[in-house]
Amino acid sequence: MKHGIISAPQPEAVEAGALILRAGGNAIDAGIACALTQGVVDPLMCGLGGVGSATVHAPGAGGPESFNFLGVAPRAARADMWESRIVGETGDGFGFILNGNVNALGHQAAMVPGNLAGYGAMHQAYGKLPWADLCKTAIEFAEDGWMVRPHVYSYATQDEGALGRVHNSDILGYTEEGWSLYISDEGTMHRPGTWIKNPGLAESLRLIAKEGVGTLYGGALGQVLTDDMAAQGGLITMADLQDYEVVRQPALRGSYRGHDLATNAPGGSGIQVLETLNILEQFDLNGYELGSPEYIMLMAEALAYAYNDKRTRVGDPAFVDVPVNDLLDKSYAQTLAARIRNGDKAVLNRLPQFKESNETSHIVVFDKDGNAFSMTHTLGAPSGVIPPGSGFILNGCMGIFDPRPGQPTSIKPGKSYTSSMSPTLVYRDGAPYLVIGAPGATYIPQAIAQSIVNCIDFNLSISEAISVPRIAVTQSGRIDISNRIPRFVEAGLHANGYETQRSYLSYAFAGVHGIKIEDGVASGAADPGRDGMALKI
């Protein structure tokens, strides 16, 4: 490895980051360049109008840091503003259907975006190359065009209508600009292999390259956004943009079998990863056959106990007192492990909630100087709004809030949501050993924990670790399984009182991307369920 290694779900974005590494940039530079390009070539997953979270390690910087740029509800938002619009819950119980879909589609659905502010804060703290250099490849893809890939198409044509949610084609075609960019004569997303050019986004990126992130948070690009909001009954004002701040703090720390871990602070879900591993640490996993019914049942209970704690005890720390020390106490993990040994199955305290969208992306980078970068960013469920001429879609994260006043996740000005994003670093002997993360909504922390176990307990390569068939737990007494888990294993789960739900996907439950550094040699892998790749430069 002469310069570094990078992995992400989009080959074009990986190339953008690799070019930055080759030009002398560090892992943080490469990750930002990759992210900017992801927003061009995966427009439903992420972009300038989205939100995100990252964990960054720089040797000699005093320890890894968490950057949360998860967006906030605008000042004009009110807890009861949609109460009279409630029609019912979605078909799967994950969310509410409102008259006019105002929480999911259109200008009121957008939170104050955080992504660009986050990129800028990380570049200012750790970047090496000039900011404009990081925008170059993204501008080229927006101007010259990019080719629709299978995963872009499959997500864009995924029908959520049966569950009461907005169809992705309606999101993409919500504005005239979106319709002309992404919708074919058949009324759906352009098919794989179609080339898409986005001149408006190219111009926005040129403005960002020239003026920096301030153009969105108080400058010309922000004016375009807020003028559109004012004209269309949206909530975001220029004051919201100007006052937006990235939450930068020391990374949340933990340990697992002699390895140190660093992950994002609440309102991200790194705490769920750490709690899961604390529970599993109480068991000799080498005594289990990987993928056996006994192993899957143990993993499912550890995942379920930690998931339940995240759901019921973790929120935006600016509004919720998160008991971090209690949840990460090893003695607490011992108590939960004892319950598992006694056969006490976790009961998920289901609260009415919104389903965090799978429309998310991730990046991991490691460079020759030992810098490590793991970032997840998203549009939530996109609002469909493209500020006129700007070329980028705004997030739909206001739809994550509960529209009923008085609930833990009710709307409040300045409030963010609790994200499943869990960008994580694992250290061995004080040096980065794993740089790992995933897109995939609720499944993210569960998939990351399983992949870490695969590397540490079973000594698998990073490619093998993220390819092992995964499980997930979202309901009491039920284990969701990938289609590669054999039916004779599933029968063993049934025999022990578990229900199962088989995914039609062979590679299900998030899309883990990772880098493993062992004996000074770095290797990377992209989840086989996505379109991405890892590239060493």
Protein backbone atom coordinates (compact mmCIF):
# COMPACT_ATOMS: atom_id res chain seq x y z
CA MET A 1 0.00 0.00 0.00
CA LYS A 2 1.73 3.13 -1.23
CA HIS A 3 -0.99 5.65 -0.38
CA GLY A 4 -4.01 4.01 1.24
CA ILE A 5 -7.14 1.91 0.84
CA ILE A 6 -10.80 2.86 0.51
CA SER A 7 -14.11 0.99 0.34
CA ALA A 8 -17.62 2.25 -0.42
CA PRO A 9 -20.83 1.06 -2.14
CA GLN A 10 -20.20 3.00 -5.41
CA PRO A 11 -17.19 2.34 -7.68
CA GLU A 12 -17.21 5.91 -8.98
CA ALA A 13 -17.01 7.29 -5.44
CA VAL A 14 -14.26 4.85 -4.49
CA GLU A 15 -12.31 6.09 -7.52
CA ALA A 16 -12.78 9.70 -6.40
CA GLY A 17 -11.30 8.92 -2.99
CA ALA A 18 -8.48 6.85 -4.47
CA LEU A 19 -7.46 9.74 -6.72
CA ILE A 20 -7.21 11.98 -3.67
CA LEU A 21 -5.01 9.44 -1.89
CA ARG A 22 -2.80 9.18 -4.95
CA ALA A 23 -2.53 12.99 -5.07
CA GLY A 24 -1.16 13.07 -1.52
CA GLY A 25 -4.37 13.55 0.41
CA ASN A 26 -5.02 11.73 3.65
CA ALA A 27 -7.88 9.41 4.65
CA ILE A 28 -10.08 12.32 5.69
CA ASP A 29 -9.58 14.10 2.35
CA ALA A 30 -10.31 10.88 0.48
CA GLY A 31 -13.44 10.18 2.51
CA ILE A 32 -14.86 13.63 1.83
CA ALA A 33 -14.13 13.42 -1.90
CA CYS A 34 -15.77 10.01 -1.93
CA ALA A 35 -18.82 11.39 -0.10
CA LEU A 36 -19.26 14.31 -2.48
CA THR A 37 -19.19 11.91 -5.43
CA GLN A 38 -21.61 9.52 -3.72
CA GLY A 39 -24.12 12.37 -3.63
CA VAL A 40 -23.89 12.58 -7.42
CA VAL A 41 -23.98 8.89 -8.38
CA ASP A 42 -26.36 7.65 -5.65
CA PRO A 43 -28.86 10.51 -5.36
CA LEU A 44 -31.45 8.65 -3.25
CA MET A 45 -28.86 7.50 -0.73
CA CYS A 46 -27.00 10.64 0.28
CA GLY A 47 -25.94 14.10 -0.81
CA LEU A 48 -25.56 17.76 0.06
CA GLY A 49 -29.08 17.85 1.50
CA GLY A 50 -28.51 14.95 3.89
CA VAL A 51 -27.22 14.16 7.36
CA GLY A 52 -24.48 11.92 8.73
CA SER A 53 -21.97 10.80 11.33
CA ALA A 54 -18.28 9.90 11.30
CA THR A 55 -15.53 8.53 13.51
CA VAL A 56 -12.03 9.81 12.73
CA HIS A 57 -8.60 8.69 13.92
CA ALA A 58 -5.47 10.76 13.31
CA PRO A 59 -2.17 9.67 14.92
CA GLY A 60 -1.02 12.18 17.52
CA ALA A 61 -4.34 14.02 17.62
CA GLY A 62 -5.17 13.05 21.19
CA GLY A 63 -7.62 10.25 20.45
CA PRO A 64 -10.36 9.40 17.96
CA GLU A 65 -13.20 11.86 17.49
CA SER A 66 -16.90 11.63 16.74
CA PHE A 67 -18.44 14.10 14.30
CA ASN A 68 -22.25 14.05 14.37
CA PHE A 69 -23.95 16.15 11.71
CA LEU A 70 -27.39 14.57 11.99
CA GLY A 71 -29.43 17.65 11.16
CA VAL A 72 -32.05 19.30 13.38
CA ALA A 73 -35.71 20.23 13.21
CA PRO A 74 -36.16 23.85 12.05
CA ARG A 75 -37.18 26.58 14.50
CA ALA A 76 -40.65 26.71 12.97
CA ALA A 77 -41.32 23.05 13.79
CA ARG A 78 -43.89 22.32 16.50
CA ALA A 79 -44.86 19.14 18.32
CA ASP A 80 -48.52 19.43 17.29
CA MET A 81 -48.08 20.76 13.77
CA TRP A 82 -49.18 17.48 12.14
CA GLU A 83 -51.39 16.08 14.88
CA SER A 84 -54.62 16.81 12.98
CA ARG A 85 -53.28 15.12 9.85
CA ILE A 86 -52.78 11.64 11.33
CA VAL A 87 -54.63 8.98 9.31
CA GLY A 88 -53.04 5.88 10.83
CA GLU A 89 -49.89 3.81 11.06
CA THR A 90 -48.06 2.28 8.13
CA GLY A 91 -48.72 -1.36 7.30
CA ASP A 92 -45.63 -2.62 9.12
CA GLY A 93 -46.16 -0.39 12.16
CA PHE A 94 -43.03 1.66 11.46
CA GLY A 95 -44.47 5.13 11.06
CA PHE A 96 -47.56 7.22 10.53
CA ILE A 97 -49.59 8.03 7.46
CA LEU A 98 -50.53 11.71 7.30
CA ASN A 99 -52.93 13.51 5.01
CA GLY A 100 -50.94 14.83 2.10
CA ASN A 101 -47.83 12.83 3.13
CA VAL A 102 -46.40 16.10 4.45
CA ASN A 103 -44.04 14.26 6.80
CA ALA A 104 -42.59 12.19 3.95
CA LEU A 105 -42.80 14.20 0.76
CA GLY A 106 -42.29 17.88 0.12
CA HIS A 107 -40.83 20.93 1.76
CA GLN A 108 -42.01 20.37 5.34
CA ALA A 109 -40.36 16.94 5.43
CA ALA A 110 -36.82 18.35 5.38
CA MET A 111 -34.61 18.86 8.42
CA VAL A 112 -31.79 21.37 8.39
CA PRO A 113 -29.16 19.43 6.40
CA GLY A 114 -25.87 18.59 8.12
CA ASN A 115 -23.74 16.71 5.60
CA LEU A 116 -21.89 19.59 3.99
CA ALA A 117 -21.23 21.20 7.38
CA GLY A 118 -19.84 17.86 8.59
CA TYR A 119 -17.55 17.48 5.58
CA GLY A 120 -16.29 21.01 6.13
CA ALA A 121 -15.68 20.54 9.86
CA MET A 122 -13.67 17.36 9.29
CA HIS A 123 -11.63 18.94 6.51
CA GLN A 124 -10.88 21.97 8.65
CA ALA A 125 -9.78 19.72 11.52
CA TYR A 126 -7.76 17.13 9.61
CA GLY A 127 -7.69 17.84 5.87
CA LYS A 128 -4.42 18.06 3.98
CA LEU A 129 -5.31 19.00 0.39
CA PRO A 130 -7.14 22.20 -0.64
CA TRP A 131 -10.93 21.98 -0.32
CA ALA A 132 -11.50 22.62 -4.03
CA ASP A 133 -9.47 19.52 -4.93
CA LEU A 134 -11.92 17.34 -3.05
CA CYS A 135 -14.83 18.56 -5.19
CA LYS A 136 -13.22 17.94 -8.58
CA THR A 137 -14.31 14.38 -9.35
CA ALA A 138 -17.85 14.96 -8.08
CA ILE A 139 -18.14 17.94 -10.42
CA GLU A 140 -16.91 15.83 -13.33
CA PHE A 141 -19.46 13.08 -12.74
CA ALA A 142 -22.29 15.59 -12.38
CA GLU A 143 -21.30 17.38 -15.57
CA ASP A 144 -20.14 14.49 -17.77
CA GLY A 145 -22.60 11.93 -16.48
CA TRP A 146 -22.74 8.69 -14.51
CA MET A 147 -24.28 5.34 -15.31
CA VAL A 148 -27.26 3.95 -13.40
CA ARG A 149 -26.15 0.83 -11.49
CA PRO A 150 -28.32 -2.14 -10.42
CA HIS A 151 -28.52 -1.10 -6.76
CA VAL A 152 -29.50 2.49 -7.64
CA TYR A 153 -32.26 1.15 -9.87
CA SER A 154 -33.55 -1.47 -7.43
CA TYR A 155 -33.92 1.09 -4.64
CA ALA A 156 -35.46 3.69 -6.88
CA THR A 157 -38.12 1.24 -8.10
CA GLN A 158 -38.83 -0.31 -4.68
CA ASP A 159 -42.55 0.04 -3.98
CA GLU A 160 -43.40 1.20 -0.46
CA GLY A 161 -46.99 1.99 -1.39
CA ALA A 162 -48.45 -1.25 -0.02
CA LEU A 163 -47.22 -0.24 3.44
CA GLY A 164 -48.61 3.28 3.19
CA ARG A 165 -45.34 5.01 2.38
CA VAL A 166 -44.44 7.08 -0.66
CA HIS A 167 -43.15 5.26 -3.73
CA ASN A 168 -39.55 6.12 -4.53
CA SER A 169 -40.47 7.08 -8.08
CA ASP A 170 -42.82 9.72 -6.67
CA ILE A 171 -39.95 11.02 -4.55
CA LEU A 172 -37.57 11.23 -7.49
CA GLY A 173 -40.17 12.90 -9.69
CA TYR A 174 -41.58 15.26 -7.06
CA THR A 175 -40.09 18.35 -8.71
CA GLU A 176 -39.83 19.09 -12.41
CA GLU A 177 -36.07 19.03 -12.06
CA GLY A 178 -36.15 15.60 -10.45
CA TRP A 179 -38.50 14.26 -13.10
CA SER A 180 -36.28 15.44 -15.93
CA LEU A 181 -33.15 14.04 -14.29
CA TYR A 182 -34.27 10.62 -13.13
CA ILE A 183 -37.62 9.54 -14.57
CA SER A 184 -37.97 7.72 -17.89
CA ASP A 185 -40.87 7.90 -20.34
CA GLU A 186 -42.27 4.85 -18.53
CA GLY A 187 -42.67 6.91 -15.36
CA THR A 188 -40.01 5.08 -13.35
CA MET A 189 -36.31 5.49 -12.67
CA HIS A 190 -34.08 5.19 -15.72
CA ARG A 191 -32.93 1.62 -16.25
CA PRO A 192 -29.44 0.32 -15.42
CA GLY A 193 -26.89 1.45 -17.96
CA THR A 194 -28.60 4.81 -18.61
CA TRP A 195 -26.29 7.82 -18.41
CA ILE A 196 -27.47 10.74 -16.26
CA LYS A 197 -26.04 14.24 -16.33
CA ASN A 198 -26.86 16.79 -13.62
CA PRO A 199 -25.68 20.24 -14.67
CA GLY A 200 -27.44 21.95 -11.76
CA LEU A 201 -25.53 19.84 -9.26
CA ALA A 202 -22.30 20.51 -11.14
CA GLU A 203 -22.88 24.24 -10.68
CA SER A 204 -23.71 23.80 -6.99
CA LEU A 205 -20.51 21.83 -6.48
CA ARG A 206 -18.49 24.49 -8.31
CA LEU A 207 -19.92 27.08 -5.96
CA ILE A 208 -19.04 24.89 -2.98
CA ALA A 209 -15.52 24.35 -4.34
CA LYS A 210 -15.04 28.10 -4.70
CA GLU A 211 -16.81 29.47 -1.62
CA GLY A 212 -16.65 26.52 0.79
CA VAL A 213 -19.48 25.08 2.87
CA GLY A 214 -20.59 28.56 3.92
CA THR A 215 -22.40 28.96 0.62
CA LEU A 216 -25.09 26.59 1.95
CA TYR A 217 -25.06 27.85 5.54
CA GLY A 218 -25.73 31.52 4.93
CA GLY A 219 -24.51 32.15 1.38
CA ALA A 220 -25.81 31.97 -2.17
CA LEU A 221 -26.74 28.27 -2.17
CA GLY A 222 -28.51 28.67 1.15
CA GLN A 223 -30.50 31.55 -0.33
CA VAL A 224 -31.71 29.31 -3.16
CA LEU A 225 -32.83 26.72 -0.60
CA THR A 226 -34.60 29.13 1.75
CA ASP A 227 -36.28 31.09 -1.05
CA ASP A 228 -37.78 27.81 -2.24
CA MET A 229 -38.83 26.93 1.30
CA ALA A 230 -40.57 30.28 1.72
CA ALA A 231 -42.35 29.94 -1.62
CA GLN A 232 -43.54 26.39 -0.98
CA GLY A 233 -44.52 26.49 2.69
CA GLY A 234 -41.37 24.84 3.98
CA LEU A 235 -39.89 25.29 7.44
CA ILE A 236 -36.16 25.91 6.96
CA THR A 237 -35.03 29.55 7.15
CA MET A 238 -31.70 31.24 6.62
CA ALA A 239 -31.35 31.57 10.39
CA ASP A 240 -31.69 27.78 10.70
CA LEU A 241 -28.85 27.29 8.24
CA GLN A 242 -26.63 29.97 9.77
CA ASP A 243 -27.04 28.58 13.29
CA TYR A 244 -26.44 24.94 12.41
CA GLU A 245 -23.48 23.38 14.25
CA VAL A 246 -21.68 20.06 13.89
CA VAL A 247 -21.33 18.16 17.19
CA ARG A 248 -17.64 17.32 17.53
CA GLN A 249 -16.50 15.39 20.61
CA PRO A 250 -14.27 12.51 21.71
CA ALA A 251 -15.40 9.22 20.25
CA LEU A 252 -17.37 6.84 22.46
CA ARG A 253 -14.95 4.20 23.74
CA GLY A 254 -15.31 0.52 24.59
CA SER A 255 -13.39 -2.73 24.56
CA TYR A 256 -13.81 -6.30 23.35
CA ARG A 257 -11.48 -9.22 24.07
CA GLY A 258 -8.41 -7.03 24.51
CA HIS A 259 -9.26 -4.72 21.61
CA ASP A 260 -10.16 -1.06 22.11
CA LEU A 261 -13.08 0.39 20.16
CA ALA A 262 -14.09 3.90 19.14
CA THR A 263 -17.44 4.79 17.66
CA ASN A 264 -19.84 7.68 17.29
CA ALA A 265 -21.47 9.28 20.30
CA PRO A 266 -25.26 9.43 20.79
CA GLY A 267 -27.47 10.36 18.85
CA GLY A 268 -25.68 7.80 16.73
CA SER A 269 -25.92 4.11 17.62
CA GLY A 270 -22.32 3.19 18.28
CA ILE A 271 -23.43 2.59 21.87
CA GLN A 272 -25.56 -0.32 20.62
CA VAL A 273 -22.52 -1.91 18.95
CA LEU A 274 -20.50 -1.60 22.16
CA GLU A 275 -23.26 -2.99 24.38
CA THR A 276 -23.79 -5.96 22.05
CA LEU A 277 -20.08 -6.80 22.17
CA ASN A 278 -20.01 -6.40 25.96
CA ILE A 279 -22.71 -9.06 26.21
CA LEU A 280 -21.04 -11.42 23.74
CA GLU A 281 -17.73 -11.03 25.58
CA GLN A 282 -19.27 -13.00 28.46
CA PHE A 283 -19.43 -16.11 26.26
CA ASP A 284 -16.74 -18.32 24.71
CA LEU A 285 -17.85 -17.95 21.12
CA ASN A 286 -15.11 -20.29 19.93
CA GLY A 287 -17.09 -23.02 21.62
CA TYR A 288 -19.87 -22.50 19.12
CA GLU A 289 -19.98 -23.41 15.45
CA LEU A 290 -20.34 -20.20 13.45
CA GLY A 291 -23.79 -20.22 11.87
CA SER A 292 -25.19 -23.04 13.99
CA PRO A 293 -28.65 -22.72 15.61
CA GLU A 294 -27.01 -22.38 19.05
CA TYR A 295 -24.72 -19.61 17.85
CA ILE A 296 -27.53 -17.77 16.07
CA MET A 297 -29.78 -17.91 19.15
CA LEU A 298 -27.02 -16.48 21.35
CA MET A 299 -26.24 -13.76 18.85
CA ALA A 300 -29.93 -12.91 18.47
CA GLU A 301 -30.41 -12.43 22.21
CA ALA A 302 -27.32 -10.23 22.54
CA LEU A 303 -28.51 -8.14 19.60
CA ALA A 304 -32.03 -7.92 21.01
CA TYR A 305 -31.05 -6.79 24.52
CA ALA A 306 -28.76 -4.07 23.16
CA TYR A 307 -31.30 -2.99 20.53
CA ASN A 308 -34.01 -2.68 23.16
CA ASP A 309 -31.79 -0.44 25.30
CA LYS A 310 -30.97 1.76 22.29
CA ARG A 311 -34.64 2.11 21.40
CA THR A 312 -35.86 2.94 24.90
CA ARG A 313 -32.93 4.75 26.56
CA VAL A 314 -30.95 6.55 23.85
CA GLY A 315 -31.93 9.79 22.13
CA ASP A 316 -30.62 13.19 21.12
CA PRO A 317 -28.37 13.99 24.13
CA ALA A 318 -29.34 17.64 23.87
CA PHE A 319 -32.88 16.62 24.86
CA VAL A 320 -32.48 13.20 26.53
CA ASP A 321 -30.29 12.15 29.46
CA VAL A 322 -28.58 9.12 27.89
CA PRO A 323 -27.22 6.70 30.58
CA VAL A 324 -24.02 5.96 28.67
CA ASN A 325 -22.01 4.71 31.64
CA ASP A 326 -24.80 2.40 32.79
CA LEU A 327 -25.34 0.86 29.36
CA LEU A 328 -21.63 0.28 28.79
CA ASP A 329 -20.84 -1.04 32.28
CA LYS A 330 -19.35 -4.54 31.96
CA SER A 331 -21.26 -5.66 35.06
CA TYR A 332 -24.51 -4.71 33.32
CA ALA A 333 -23.46 -6.87 30.38
CA GLN A 334 -22.81 -9.72 32.82
CA THR A 335 -26.35 -9.34 34.14
CA LEU A 336 -27.79 -9.54 30.62
CA ALA A 337 -25.58 -12.52 29.80
CA ALA A 338 -26.90 -14.30 32.89
CA ARG A 339 -30.43 -13.79 31.63
CA ILE A 340 -29.48 -15.32 28.30
CA ARG A 341 -27.92 -18.33 30.05
CA ASN A 342 -31.14 -18.75 32.04
CA GLY A 343 -33.13 -18.84 28.84
CA ASP A 344 -34.77 -15.43 29.32
CA LYS A 345 -35.54 -14.13 25.87
CA ALA A 346 -35.36 -10.39 25.34
CA VAL A 347 -38.69 -8.63 25.03
CA LEU A 348 -38.55 -5.70 22.65
CA ASN A 349 -40.59 -2.84 24.03
CA ARG A 350 -42.05 -1.70 20.76
CA LEU A 351 -42.86 1.99 20.62
CA PRO A 352 -44.67 3.60 17.70
CA GLN A 353 -41.81 4.82 15.55
CA PHE A 354 -40.73 5.64 12.06
CA LYS A 355 -38.66 3.27 10.04
CA GLU A 356 -35.30 4.82 9.39
CA SER A 357 -34.66 4.46 5.69
CA ASN A 358 -32.23 2.00 4.17
CA GLU A 359 -31.35 4.81 1.78
CA THR A 360 -27.93 5.41 3.29
CA SER A 361 -24.28 5.13 2.27
CA HIS A 362 -20.93 4.47 3.94
CA ILE A 363 -17.19 5.04 3.44
CA VAL A 364 -14.12 3.56 5.12
CA VAL A 365 -10.58 4.79 4.44
CA PHE A 366 -7.15 4.03 5.87
CA ASP A 367 -3.96 5.73 4.68
CA LYS A 368 -0.21 5.11 4.80
CA ASP A 369 0.23 7.49 7.75
CA GLY A 370 -2.28 5.61 9.92
CA ASN A 371 -5.24 7.96 9.55
CA ALA A 372 -8.58 6.13 9.67
CA PHE A 373 -11.98 7.40 8.57
CA SER A 374 -15.42 5.78 8.87
CA MET A 375 -18.51 7.75 7.86
CA THR A 376 -22.19 7.00 7.26
CA HIS A 377 -24.40 9.60 5.61
CA THR A 378 -27.94 9.59 4.31
CA LEU A 379 -31.00 11.47 3.11
CA GLY A 380 -33.12 9.56 5.63
CA ALA A 381 -36.09 8.99 3.39
CA PRO A 382 -35.63 11.70 0.73
CA SER A 383 -38.18 14.51 0.69
CA GLY A 384 -38.08 14.73 -3.11
CA VAL A 385 -37.39 18.47 -2.88
CA ILE A 386 -34.65 19.79 -5.17
CA PRO A 387 -34.06 23.52 -4.57
CA PRO A 388 -34.51 25.01 -8.06
CA GLY A 389 -31.43 24.60 -10.21
CA SER A 390 -29.35 23.10 -7.39
CA GLY A 391 -29.46 19.46 -8.52
CA PHE A 392 -29.50 17.91 -5.02
CA ILE A 393 -32.36 16.33 -3.08
CA LEU A 394 -33.13 17.43 0.47
CA ASN A 395 -33.48 14.88 3.26
CA GLY A 396 -36.88 13.81 4.57
CA CYS A 397 -35.79 13.34 8.17
CA MET A 398 -38.69 15.27 9.71
CA GLY A 399 -40.70 12.15 8.91
CA ILE A 400 -38.72 10.24 11.53
CA PHE A 401 -40.42 12.20 14.33
CA ASP A 402 -43.65 11.05 15.99
CA PRO A 403 -46.43 13.50 14.94
CA ARG A 404 -48.17 13.08 18.30
CA PRO A 405 -47.18 15.54 21.05
CA GLY A 406 -45.83 14.21 24.32
CA GLN A 407 -43.97 11.21 22.88
CA PRO A 408 -40.23 10.54 23.36
CA THR A 409 -39.67 11.14 19.66
CA SER A 410 -42.10 14.04 19.22
CA ILE A 411 -41.09 17.05 17.14
CA LYS A 412 -39.20 19.86 18.84
CA PRO A 413 -37.24 22.80 17.34
CA GLY A 414 -33.51 22.10 17.23
CA LYS A 415 -33.99 18.41 17.99
CA SER A 416 -32.23 15.70 16.03
CA TYR A 417 -33.22 12.08 15.69
CA THR A 418 -31.52 8.98 17.05
CA SER A 419 -29.78 7.48 14.06
CA SER A 420 -28.70 3.86 13.58
CA MET A 421 -25.42 5.09 12.06
CA SER A 422 -22.48 3.43 13.84
CA PRO A 423 -19.14 4.23 12.15
CA THR A 424 -16.62 2.26 14.21
CA LEU A 425 -12.87 1.77 14.64
CA VAL A 426 -11.30 -1.23 16.37
CA TYR A 427 -7.75 -1.03 17.75
CA ARG A 428 -5.22 -3.78 18.42
CA ASP A 429 -2.14 -2.88 20.46
CA GLY A 430 -3.00 0.80 20.15
CA ALA A 431 -3.18 0.89 16.35
CA PRO A 432 -6.20 0.69 14.01
CA TYR A 433 -7.14 -2.92 13.33
CA LEU A 434 -10.61 -2.54 11.78
CA VAL A 435 -12.20 0.46 10.08
CA ILE A 436 -15.82 -0.55 9.63
CA GLY A 437 -19.36 0.67 9.09
CA ALA A 438 -22.50 0.15 7.05
CA PRO A 439 -25.61 1.64 5.52
CA GLY A 440 -28.84 -0.16 6.30
CA ALA A 441 -31.03 1.64 8.87
CA THR A 442 -31.97 -0.41 11.95
CA TYR A 443 -29.71 -3.24 10.81
CA ILE A 444 -26.52 -1.15 10.89
CA PRO A 445 -25.28 -1.70 14.48
CA GLN A 446 -26.37 -5.34 14.42
CA ALA A 447 -24.45 -6.04 11.21
CA ILE A 448 -21.33 -4.21 12.43
CA ALA A 449 -21.27 -6.15 15.71
CA GLN A 450 -21.55 -9.47 13.86
CA SER A 451 -18.75 -8.54 11.47
CA ILE A 452 -16.43 -7.49 14.31
CA VAL A 453 -17.04 -10.83 16.03
CA ASN A 454 -16.27 -12.64 12.78
CA CYS A 455 -12.89 -10.91 12.61
CA ILE A 456 -11.86 -11.17 16.27
CA ASP A 457 -13.41 -14.41 17.50
CA PHE A 458 -13.22 -16.42 14.29
CA ASN A 459 -10.17 -14.73 12.74
CA LEU A 460 -11.82 -14.31 9.36
CA SER A 461 -10.50 -12.00 6.67
CA ILE A 462 -12.46 -8.79 6.23
CA SER A 463 -14.00 -10.13 3.02
CA GLU A 464 -15.08 -13.34 4.75
CA ALA A 465 -16.27 -11.49 7.85
CA ILE A 466 -18.73 -9.28 6.01
CA SER A 467 -19.89 -12.12 3.73
CA VAL A 468 -20.97 -14.51 6.51
CA PRO A 469 -24.80 -14.78 6.40
CA ARG A 470 -26.18 -12.31 8.92
CA ILE A 471 -29.25 -12.25 11.13
CA ALA A 472 -31.27 -9.38 12.56
CA VAL A 473 -33.72 -8.88 15.41
CA THR A 474 -36.53 -6.35 15.16
CA GLN A 475 -39.39 -8.13 16.95
CA SER A 476 -39.65 -10.19 20.14
CA GLY A 477 -39.14 -13.92 19.62
CA ARG A 478 -38.39 -13.57 15.92
CA ILE A 479 -35.06 -13.86 14.14
CA ASP A 480 -34.73 -12.43 10.64
CA ILE A 481 -32.41 -14.57 8.54
CA SER A 482 -30.73 -14.16 5.18
CA ASN A 483 -31.63 -16.55 2.37
CA ARG A 484 -28.20 -18.20 2.63
CA ILE A 485 -28.93 -19.59 6.09
CA PRO A 486 -29.89 -23.23 5.48
CA ARG A 487 -33.39 -24.42 6.27
CA PHE A 488 -32.04 -27.17 8.50
CA VAL A 489 -30.50 -24.42 10.65
CA GLU A 490 -33.79 -22.56 10.60
CA ALA A 491 -35.51 -25.74 11.80
CA GLY A 492 -33.21 -25.71 14.83
CA LEU A 493 -34.35 -22.20 15.67
CA HIS A 494 -37.99 -23.23 15.40
CA ALA A 495 -37.33 -26.20 17.69
CA ASN A 496 -36.14 -23.76 20.35
CA GLY A 497 -39.22 -21.59 20.20
CA TYR A 498 -38.14 -18.87 17.78
CA GLU A 499 -40.10 -17.59 14.85
CA THR A 500 -38.10 -16.72 11.76
CA GLN A 501 -38.54 -14.43 8.81
CA ARG A 502 -36.48 -15.33 5.77
CA SER A 503 -35.24 -12.50 3.56
CA TYR A 504 -35.39 -12.98 -0.17
CA LEU A 505 -31.90 -11.44 -0.28
CA SER A 506 -28.79 -13.59 -0.17
CA TYR A 507 -26.83 -10.69 1.35
CA ALA A 508 -29.29 -9.11 3.74
CA PHE A 509 -29.35 -6.74 6.73
CA ALA A 510 -27.18 -3.70 6.00
CA GLY A 511 -24.20 -3.42 3.68
CA VAL A 512 -20.99 -3.68 5.70
CA HIS A 513 -17.82 -2.11 4.32
CA GLY A 514 -14.54 -2.59 6.09
CA ILE A 515 -10.76 -2.46 6.19
CA LYS A 516 -8.60 -4.81 8.27
CA ILE A 517 -4.99 -3.97 9.15
CA GLU A 518 -2.98 -6.96 10.32
CA ASP A 519 0.80 -7.20 10.65
CA GLY A 520 1.08 -3.89 8.83
CA VAL A 521 -0.90 -5.11 5.81
CA ALA A 522 -4.27 -3.51 5.00
CA SER A 523 -7.04 -5.31 3.13
CA GLY A 524 -10.51 -4.04 2.34
CA ALA A 525 -13.86 -5.34 1.21
CA ALA A 526 -17.22 -4.06 0.03
CA ASP A 527 -20.45 -5.81 0.92
CA PRO A 528 -21.45 -8.22 -1.88
CA GLY A 529 -25.04 -7.04 -1.55
CA ARG A 530 -24.17 -3.60 -2.91
CA ASP A 531 -22.48 -2.31 -6.07
CA GLY A 532 -19.26 -1.20 -4.42
CA MET A 533 -15.62 -2.15 -4.21
CA ALA A 534 -12.45 -1.71 -2.20
CA LEU A 535 -9.41 -0.16 -3.88
CA LYS A 536 -5.83 -0.06 -2.64
CA ILE A 537 -3.60 2.70 -4.02
